[in-house]
């Protein structure tokens, strides 16, 4: 079975959240995912992500990872890891496996010679990442993980 495909139809900014609208390309149902505005910094800290684009990709695939997990694919939920490098490798590996085996997310399709506007551009333009806040969140995660028996969550 080929992986399903969804297109990001639009991104809507609310007062406290971002709402991302997914449309199926072929089989599937349209849906939307809502993320608090802090989610980008939090995901960067949780998973040791290096850029806003990585955080956007992880958030875009999180609903698909949840659906993939519900369909009995084991080991696909992002979890906190003991160090940022391991966490980053794990979540990016999960996203890659999701793209290959379960579902892929694209932005606007090509229309003639020009591409339609990228609906994710609003996130790149409006989301501000504070590296000090990301580092502080990661320190809190590390402190929590170290306080757990055998370093686990």
N, C-alpha and C. Protein backbone atom coordinates (compact mmCIF):
# COMPACT_ATOMS: atom_id res chain seq x y z
N UNK A 1 0.84 -1.19 0.00
CA UNK A 1 0.00 0.00 0.00
C UNK A 1 0.88 1.25 0.00
N UNK A 2 0.61 2.17 -0.88
CA UNK A 2 1.37 3.41 -0.96
C UNK A 2 0.99 4.33 0.18
N UNK A 3 1.93 5.16 0.56
CA UNK A 3 1.67 6.13 1.62
C UNK A 3 0.65 7.16 1.14
N UNK A 4 -0.24 7.54 2.04
CA UNK A 4 -1.22 8.58 1.73
C UNK A 4 -0.50 9.92 1.62
N UNK A 5 -1.15 10.89 0.99
CA UNK A 5 -0.56 12.21 0.87
C UNK A 5 -1.57 13.27 1.26
N UNK A 6 -1.10 14.27 1.98
CA UNK A 6 -1.91 15.42 2.34
C UNK A 6 -1.18 16.68 1.91
N UNK A 7 -1.97 17.68 1.57
CA UNK A 7 -1.45 18.99 1.22
C UNK A 7 -1.84 19.95 2.31
N UNK A 8 -0.92 20.80 2.71
CA UNK A 8 -1.26 21.86 3.66
C UNK A 8 -2.04 22.91 2.87
N UNK A 9 -3.32 23.02 3.20
CA UNK A 9 -4.19 23.94 2.47
C UNK A 9 -4.02 25.37 2.96
N UNK A 10 -3.89 25.52 4.28
CA UNK A 10 -3.74 26.86 4.84
C UNK A 10 -3.24 26.76 6.27
N UNK A 11 -2.74 27.88 6.75
CA UNK A 11 -2.31 28.02 8.14
C UNK A 11 -2.98 29.28 8.66
N UNK A 12 -3.71 29.14 9.76
CA UNK A 12 -4.45 30.25 10.33
C UNK A 12 -3.88 30.59 11.70
N UNK A 13 -3.61 31.86 11.91
CA UNK A 13 -3.09 32.31 13.20
C UNK A 13 -4.24 32.75 14.09
N UNK A 14 -4.29 32.17 15.28
CA UNK A 14 -5.22 32.62 16.31
C UNK A 14 -4.46 33.43 17.34
N UNK A 15 -5.15 33.83 18.37
CA UNK A 15 -4.49 34.64 19.40
C UNK A 15 -3.40 33.85 20.13
N UNK A 16 -3.68 32.59 20.42
CA UNK A 16 -2.74 31.76 21.18
C UNK A 16 -2.24 30.55 20.40
N UNK A 17 -2.80 30.30 19.22
CA UNK A 17 -2.50 29.06 18.51
C UNK A 17 -2.30 29.29 17.01
N UNK A 18 -1.75 28.25 16.38
CA UNK A 18 -1.71 28.12 14.93
C UNK A 18 -2.59 26.95 14.55
N UNK A 19 -3.42 27.11 13.55
CA UNK A 19 -4.28 26.04 13.05
C UNK A 19 -3.81 25.69 11.64
N UNK A 20 -3.43 24.43 11.46
CA UNK A 20 -2.91 23.96 10.19
C UNK A 20 -3.94 23.03 9.56
N UNK A 21 -4.37 23.37 8.33
CA UNK A 21 -5.42 22.63 7.64
C UNK A 21 -4.79 21.69 6.61
N UNK A 22 -5.15 20.40 6.70
CA UNK A 22 -4.63 19.37 5.80
C UNK A 22 -5.76 18.93 4.86
N UNK A 23 -5.45 18.82 3.56
CA UNK A 23 -6.39 18.28 2.57
C UNK A 23 -5.78 17.02 1.98
N UNK A 24 -6.59 15.98 1.78
CA UNK A 24 -6.04 14.76 1.19
C UNK A 24 -5.77 14.95 -0.30
N UNK A 25 -4.71 14.31 -0.76
CA UNK A 25 -4.44 14.21 -2.20
C UNK A 25 -4.73 12.76 -2.54
N UNK A 26 -5.94 12.49 -2.96
CA UNK A 26 -6.38 11.12 -3.16
C UNK A 26 -7.26 10.70 -1.99
N UNK A 27 -7.10 9.47 -1.55
CA UNK A 27 -7.91 8.96 -0.44
C UNK A 27 -7.52 9.64 0.86
N UNK A 28 -8.48 9.68 1.77
CA UNK A 28 -8.23 10.28 3.08
C UNK A 28 -9.24 11.37 3.37
N UNK A 29 -9.19 11.86 4.56
CA UNK A 29 -10.11 12.91 4.99
C UNK A 29 -9.35 14.17 5.37
N UNK A 30 -9.95 15.30 5.10
CA UNK A 30 -9.37 16.57 5.52
C UNK A 30 -9.41 16.64 7.04
N UNK A 31 -8.42 17.31 7.60
CA UNK A 31 -8.41 17.53 9.05
C UNK A 31 -7.58 18.76 9.34
N UNK A 32 -7.60 19.19 10.58
CA UNK A 32 -6.80 20.33 11.02
C UNK A 32 -6.12 19.96 12.33
N UNK A 33 -4.95 20.54 12.54
CA UNK A 33 -4.21 20.37 13.78
C UNK A 33 -3.94 21.75 14.36
N UNK A 34 -4.14 21.88 15.65
CA UNK A 34 -3.93 23.14 16.34
C UNK A 34 -2.71 23.01 17.25
N UNK A 35 -1.86 24.03 17.20
CA UNK A 35 -0.65 24.03 18.03
C UNK A 35 -0.55 25.34 18.79
N UNK A 36 -0.24 25.28 20.08
CA UNK A 36 0.03 26.52 20.80
C UNK A 36 1.24 27.22 20.17
N UNK A 37 1.29 28.50 20.25
CA UNK A 37 2.38 29.23 19.61
C UNK A 37 3.75 28.84 20.17
N UNK A 38 3.79 28.41 21.44
CA UNK A 38 5.08 28.00 22.02
C UNK A 38 5.53 26.63 21.55
N UNK A 39 4.70 25.90 20.84
CA UNK A 39 5.01 24.52 20.47
C UNK A 39 6.31 24.40 19.67
N UNK A 40 6.63 25.39 18.87
CA UNK A 40 7.83 25.32 18.04
C UNK A 40 9.08 25.31 18.92
N UNK A 41 9.15 26.22 19.89
CA UNK A 41 10.29 26.26 20.80
C UNK A 41 10.33 25.00 21.67
N UNK A 42 9.18 24.54 22.10
CA UNK A 42 9.13 23.36 22.95
C UNK A 42 9.63 22.14 22.18
N UNK A 43 9.18 21.95 20.94
CA UNK A 43 9.64 20.81 20.15
C UNK A 43 11.13 20.90 19.86
N UNK A 44 11.62 22.12 19.63
CA UNK A 44 13.05 22.28 19.40
C UNK A 44 13.83 21.83 20.63
N UNK A 45 13.35 22.18 21.80
CA UNK A 45 14.03 21.79 23.04
C UNK A 45 13.88 20.29 23.30
N UNK A 46 12.68 19.77 23.16
CA UNK A 46 12.43 18.35 23.44
C UNK A 46 13.25 17.43 22.55
N UNK A 47 13.35 17.79 21.29
CA UNK A 47 13.95 16.89 20.31
C UNK A 47 15.29 17.38 19.77
N UNK A 48 15.87 18.39 20.38
CA UNK A 48 17.18 18.86 19.95
C UNK A 48 17.21 19.34 18.51
N UNK A 49 16.12 19.91 18.04
CA UNK A 49 16.03 20.36 16.65
C UNK A 49 16.84 21.64 16.46
N UNK A 50 17.44 21.76 15.27
CA UNK A 50 18.37 22.86 15.00
C UNK A 50 17.74 24.10 14.40
N UNK A 51 16.53 23.97 13.85
CA UNK A 51 15.97 25.11 13.13
C UNK A 51 14.45 25.13 13.24
N UNK A 52 13.90 26.28 12.91
CA UNK A 52 12.45 26.41 12.87
C UNK A 52 11.87 25.48 11.81
N UNK A 53 12.54 25.33 10.67
CA UNK A 53 12.03 24.43 9.63
C UNK A 53 11.93 22.99 10.12
N UNK A 54 12.90 22.54 10.92
CA UNK A 54 12.80 21.19 11.49
C UNK A 54 11.62 21.09 12.45
N UNK A 55 11.42 22.12 13.27
CA UNK A 55 10.29 22.11 14.20
C UNK A 55 8.96 22.11 13.45
N UNK A 56 8.86 22.88 12.37
CA UNK A 56 7.65 22.89 11.55
C UNK A 56 7.39 21.49 11.00
N UNK A 57 8.42 20.85 10.46
CA UNK A 57 8.24 19.52 9.89
C UNK A 57 7.78 18.52 10.95
N UNK A 58 8.40 18.54 12.12
CA UNK A 58 8.00 17.61 13.18
C UNK A 58 6.55 17.86 13.58
N UNK A 59 6.17 19.12 13.73
CA UNK A 59 4.78 19.42 14.09
C UNK A 59 3.81 19.02 12.98
N UNK A 60 4.19 19.22 11.72
CA UNK A 60 3.32 18.82 10.61
C UNK A 60 3.07 17.32 10.60
N UNK A 61 4.08 16.55 10.98
CA UNK A 61 3.96 15.09 10.95
C UNK A 61 3.42 14.49 12.24
N UNK A 62 3.33 15.24 13.30
CA UNK A 62 2.84 14.69 14.57
C UNK A 62 1.47 14.05 14.44
N UNK A 63 0.48 14.67 13.77
CA UNK A 63 -0.81 13.98 13.63
C UNK A 63 -0.70 12.66 12.88
N UNK A 64 0.18 12.62 11.88
CA UNK A 64 0.36 11.37 11.13
C UNK A 64 1.06 10.32 11.98
N UNK A 65 2.00 10.75 12.81
CA UNK A 65 2.67 9.82 13.71
C UNK A 65 1.68 9.23 14.70
N UNK A 66 0.76 10.05 15.19
CA UNK A 66 -0.28 9.54 16.10
C UNK A 66 -1.17 8.53 15.37
N UNK A 67 -1.56 8.84 14.14
CA UNK A 67 -2.40 7.91 13.36
C UNK A 67 -1.63 6.63 13.05
N UNK A 68 -0.35 6.77 12.74
CA UNK A 68 0.48 5.60 12.45
C UNK A 68 0.58 4.71 13.70
N UNK A 69 0.74 5.33 14.85
CA UNK A 69 0.79 4.57 16.12
C UNK A 69 -0.55 3.87 16.37
N UNK A 70 -1.65 4.56 16.11
CA UNK A 70 -2.98 3.96 16.31
C UNK A 70 -3.20 2.77 15.38
N UNK A 71 -2.52 2.75 14.23
CA UNK A 71 -2.63 1.64 13.28
C UNK A 71 -1.62 0.53 13.59
N UNK A 72 -1.18 0.48 14.84
CA UNK A 72 -0.30 -0.58 15.36
C UNK A 72 1.11 -0.59 14.81
N UNK A 73 1.62 0.55 14.39
CA UNK A 73 3.04 0.64 14.07
C UNK A 73 3.74 1.02 15.37
N UNK A 74 4.59 0.16 15.87
CA UNK A 74 5.22 0.42 17.17
C UNK A 74 6.39 1.39 17.02
N UNK A 75 6.71 2.03 18.14
CA UNK A 75 7.89 2.88 18.21
C UNK A 75 7.85 4.13 17.37
N UNK A 76 6.67 4.69 17.13
CA UNK A 76 6.61 5.86 16.26
C UNK A 76 6.22 7.15 16.97
N UNK A 77 5.99 7.08 18.25
CA UNK A 77 5.61 8.30 18.95
C UNK A 77 6.86 9.04 19.43
N UNK A 78 6.95 10.33 19.16
CA UNK A 78 8.10 11.07 19.69
C UNK A 78 8.13 10.99 21.21
N UNK A 79 9.28 10.64 21.74
CA UNK A 79 9.45 10.57 23.20
C UNK A 79 10.69 11.36 23.58
N UNK A 80 10.72 11.76 24.83
CA UNK A 80 11.91 12.45 25.32
C UNK A 80 13.05 11.46 25.43
N UNK A 81 14.22 11.89 25.04
CA UNK A 81 15.43 11.06 25.12
C UNK A 81 16.39 11.69 26.11
N UNK A 82 17.41 10.92 26.49
CA UNK A 82 18.37 11.38 27.47
C UNK A 82 19.27 12.50 27.01
N UNK A 83 19.45 12.66 25.71
CA UNK A 83 20.25 13.77 25.21
C UNK A 83 19.65 14.29 23.91
N UNK A 84 19.95 15.53 23.61
CA UNK A 84 19.33 16.20 22.47
C UNK A 84 19.69 15.54 21.14
N UNK A 85 20.93 15.07 20.98
CA UNK A 85 21.34 14.45 19.71
C UNK A 85 20.56 13.17 19.45
N UNK A 86 20.38 12.35 20.48
CA UNK A 86 19.61 11.11 20.34
C UNK A 86 18.15 11.42 20.05
N UNK A 87 17.61 12.41 20.74
CA UNK A 87 16.21 12.80 20.53
C UNK A 87 15.99 13.28 19.10
N UNK A 88 16.93 14.08 18.60
CA UNK A 88 16.81 14.61 17.24
C UNK A 88 16.85 13.47 16.22
N UNK A 89 17.82 12.58 16.37
CA UNK A 89 17.93 11.46 15.44
C UNK A 89 16.67 10.60 15.46
N UNK A 90 16.12 10.38 16.65
CA UNK A 90 14.93 9.54 16.76
C UNK A 90 13.73 10.18 16.07
N UNK A 91 13.45 11.44 16.37
CA UNK A 91 12.24 12.06 15.81
C UNK A 91 12.36 12.26 14.31
N UNK A 92 13.55 12.63 13.82
CA UNK A 92 13.71 12.79 12.37
C UNK A 92 13.63 11.44 11.67
N UNK A 93 14.10 10.38 12.33
CA UNK A 93 13.94 9.04 11.79
C UNK A 93 12.48 8.61 11.72
N UNK A 94 11.71 8.99 12.76
CA UNK A 94 10.28 8.67 12.76
C UNK A 94 9.56 9.40 11.64
N UNK A 95 9.90 10.65 11.42
CA UNK A 95 9.28 11.41 10.34
C UNK A 95 9.63 10.78 8.99
N UNK A 96 10.88 10.40 8.81
CA UNK A 96 11.29 9.77 7.55
C UNK A 96 10.54 8.45 7.33
N UNK A 97 10.40 7.64 8.38
CA UNK A 97 9.66 6.37 8.26
C UNK A 97 8.20 6.63 7.95
N UNK A 98 7.63 7.67 8.55
CA UNK A 98 6.23 8.02 8.29
C UNK A 98 6.05 8.40 6.83
N UNK A 99 6.96 9.20 6.29
CA UNK A 99 6.88 9.61 4.89
C UNK A 99 6.92 8.40 3.96
N UNK A 100 7.76 7.45 4.29
CA UNK A 100 7.96 6.29 3.43
C UNK A 100 6.82 5.28 3.54
N UNK A 101 6.33 5.04 4.75
CA UNK A 101 5.41 3.93 4.97
C UNK A 101 3.97 4.31 5.25
N UNK A 102 3.74 5.56 5.67
CA UNK A 102 2.39 5.88 6.13
C UNK A 102 1.75 7.06 5.41
N UNK A 103 2.36 8.21 5.49
CA UNK A 103 1.74 9.39 4.88
C UNK A 103 2.73 10.51 4.71
N UNK A 104 2.53 11.30 3.69
CA UNK A 104 3.42 12.41 3.39
C UNK A 104 2.63 13.71 3.35
N UNK A 105 3.26 14.78 3.81
CA UNK A 105 2.65 16.10 3.80
C UNK A 105 3.41 16.96 2.81
N UNK A 106 2.68 17.62 1.94
CA UNK A 106 3.29 18.54 0.98
C UNK A 106 2.66 19.91 1.15
N UNK A 107 3.26 20.89 0.51
CA UNK A 107 2.65 22.22 0.51
C UNK A 107 1.90 22.36 -0.81
N UNK A 108 1.69 23.56 -1.23
CA UNK A 108 0.89 23.81 -2.43
C UNK A 108 1.48 23.10 -3.64
N UNK A 109 0.64 22.53 -4.50
CA UNK A 109 1.14 21.87 -5.71
C UNK A 109 1.61 22.88 -6.74
N UNK A 110 2.42 22.41 -7.66
CA UNK A 110 2.89 23.25 -8.75
C UNK A 110 1.70 23.58 -9.64
N UNK A 111 1.57 24.85 -10.01
CA UNK A 111 0.49 25.27 -10.90
C UNK A 111 1.13 25.94 -12.12
N UNK A 112 1.18 25.22 -13.21
CA UNK A 112 1.83 25.74 -14.41
C UNK A 112 3.32 25.90 -14.17
N UNK A 113 3.89 27.00 -14.60
CA UNK A 113 5.32 27.23 -14.43
C UNK A 113 5.66 27.82 -13.06
N UNK A 114 4.68 28.39 -12.40
CA UNK A 114 4.93 29.02 -11.09
C UNK A 114 4.33 28.17 -9.98
N UNK A 115 4.98 28.18 -8.84
CA UNK A 115 4.42 27.49 -7.67
C UNK A 115 3.41 28.40 -7.00
N UNK A 116 2.39 27.77 -6.45
CA UNK A 116 1.43 28.53 -5.65
C UNK A 116 2.14 28.99 -4.37
N UNK A 117 1.58 29.95 -3.70
CA UNK A 117 2.17 30.46 -2.46
C UNK A 117 2.30 29.34 -1.44
N UNK A 118 3.40 29.32 -0.72
CA UNK A 118 3.65 28.31 0.31
C UNK A 118 2.86 28.67 1.56
N UNK A 119 1.88 27.85 1.95
CA UNK A 119 1.07 28.18 3.12
C UNK A 119 1.87 28.17 4.42
N UNK A 120 3.04 27.53 4.42
CA UNK A 120 3.87 27.50 5.63
C UNK A 120 4.71 28.77 5.80
N UNK A 121 4.74 29.62 4.77
CA UNK A 121 5.56 30.82 4.85
C UNK A 121 5.14 31.72 6.01
N UNK A 122 3.85 31.74 6.31
CA UNK A 122 3.39 32.56 7.43
C UNK A 122 4.05 32.13 8.74
N UNK A 123 4.29 30.83 8.91
CA UNK A 123 4.99 30.35 10.10
C UNK A 123 6.44 30.83 10.10
N UNK A 124 7.09 30.72 8.97
CA UNK A 124 8.49 31.17 8.88
C UNK A 124 8.60 32.67 9.12
N UNK A 125 7.59 33.42 8.70
CA UNK A 125 7.61 34.87 8.87
C UNK A 125 7.22 35.32 10.27
N UNK A 126 6.30 34.60 10.91
CA UNK A 126 5.73 35.08 12.17
C UNK A 126 6.26 34.41 13.44
N UNK A 127 6.69 33.15 13.34
CA UNK A 127 7.16 32.44 14.53
C UNK A 127 8.56 32.93 14.87
N UNK A 128 8.73 33.33 16.09
CA UNK A 128 10.03 33.78 16.59
C UNK A 128 10.54 32.76 17.60
N UNK A 129 11.76 32.31 17.40
CA UNK A 129 12.37 31.34 18.29
C UNK A 129 13.41 32.07 19.13
N UNK A 130 13.26 31.96 20.44
CA UNK A 130 14.22 32.54 21.38
C UNK A 130 15.17 31.42 21.80
N UNK A 131 16.43 31.47 21.34
CA UNK A 131 17.36 30.38 21.66
C UNK A 131 17.61 30.23 23.16
N UNK A 132 17.51 31.31 23.91
CA UNK A 132 17.69 31.22 25.36
C UNK A 132 16.53 30.44 25.97
N UNK A 133 15.32 30.71 25.51
CA UNK A 133 14.16 29.96 26.01
C UNK A 133 14.26 28.48 25.64
N UNK A 134 14.68 28.18 24.41
CA UNK A 134 14.84 26.79 23.98
C UNK A 134 15.86 26.10 24.89
N UNK A 135 16.99 26.74 25.15
CA UNK A 135 18.02 26.15 26.01
C UNK A 135 17.51 25.96 27.43
N UNK A 136 16.73 26.90 27.93
CA UNK A 136 16.17 26.79 29.28
C UNK A 136 15.20 25.61 29.37
N UNK A 137 14.36 25.46 28.38
CA UNK A 137 13.43 24.32 28.35
C UNK A 137 14.21 23.02 28.31
N UNK A 138 15.26 22.97 27.48
CA UNK A 138 16.06 21.74 27.40
C UNK A 138 16.73 21.43 28.73
N UNK A 139 17.21 22.45 29.43
CA UNK A 139 17.80 22.23 30.76
C UNK A 139 16.78 21.63 31.73
N UNK A 140 15.55 22.11 31.66
CA UNK A 140 14.50 21.56 32.52
C UNK A 140 14.21 20.10 32.16
N UNK A 141 14.20 19.80 30.87
CA UNK A 141 13.99 18.42 30.43
C UNK A 141 15.13 17.54 30.93
N UNK A 142 16.37 18.01 30.75
CA UNK A 142 17.53 17.24 31.22
C UNK A 142 17.47 17.01 32.73
N UNK A 143 17.10 18.04 33.46
CA UNK A 143 16.99 17.90 34.92
C UNK A 143 15.93 16.86 35.28
N UNK A 144 14.81 16.90 34.59
CA UNK A 144 13.75 15.93 34.85
C UNK A 144 14.22 14.51 34.53
N UNK A 145 14.84 14.33 33.37
CA UNK A 145 15.30 13.00 32.97
C UNK A 145 16.35 12.45 33.93
N UNK A 146 17.23 13.31 34.40
CA UNK A 146 18.26 12.88 35.35
C UNK A 146 17.68 12.50 36.71
N UNK A 147 16.54 13.09 37.06
CA UNK A 147 15.93 12.80 38.36
C UNK A 147 15.14 11.49 38.36
N UNK A 148 14.91 10.94 37.17
CA UNK A 148 14.15 9.70 37.06
C UNK A 148 15.04 8.49 37.25
N UNK A 149 14.48 7.39 37.78
CA UNK A 149 15.27 6.17 37.90
C UNK A 149 15.83 5.75 36.53
N UNK A 150 17.10 5.44 36.47
CA UNK A 150 17.80 5.01 35.26
C UNK A 150 17.72 6.05 34.15
N UNK A 151 17.50 7.31 34.48
CA UNK A 151 17.50 8.39 33.49
C UNK A 151 16.32 8.40 32.56
N UNK A 152 15.26 7.61 32.80
CA UNK A 152 14.10 7.55 31.91
C UNK A 152 13.02 8.52 32.31
N UNK A 153 12.07 8.74 31.44
CA UNK A 153 10.97 9.66 31.69
C UNK A 153 9.87 9.02 32.47
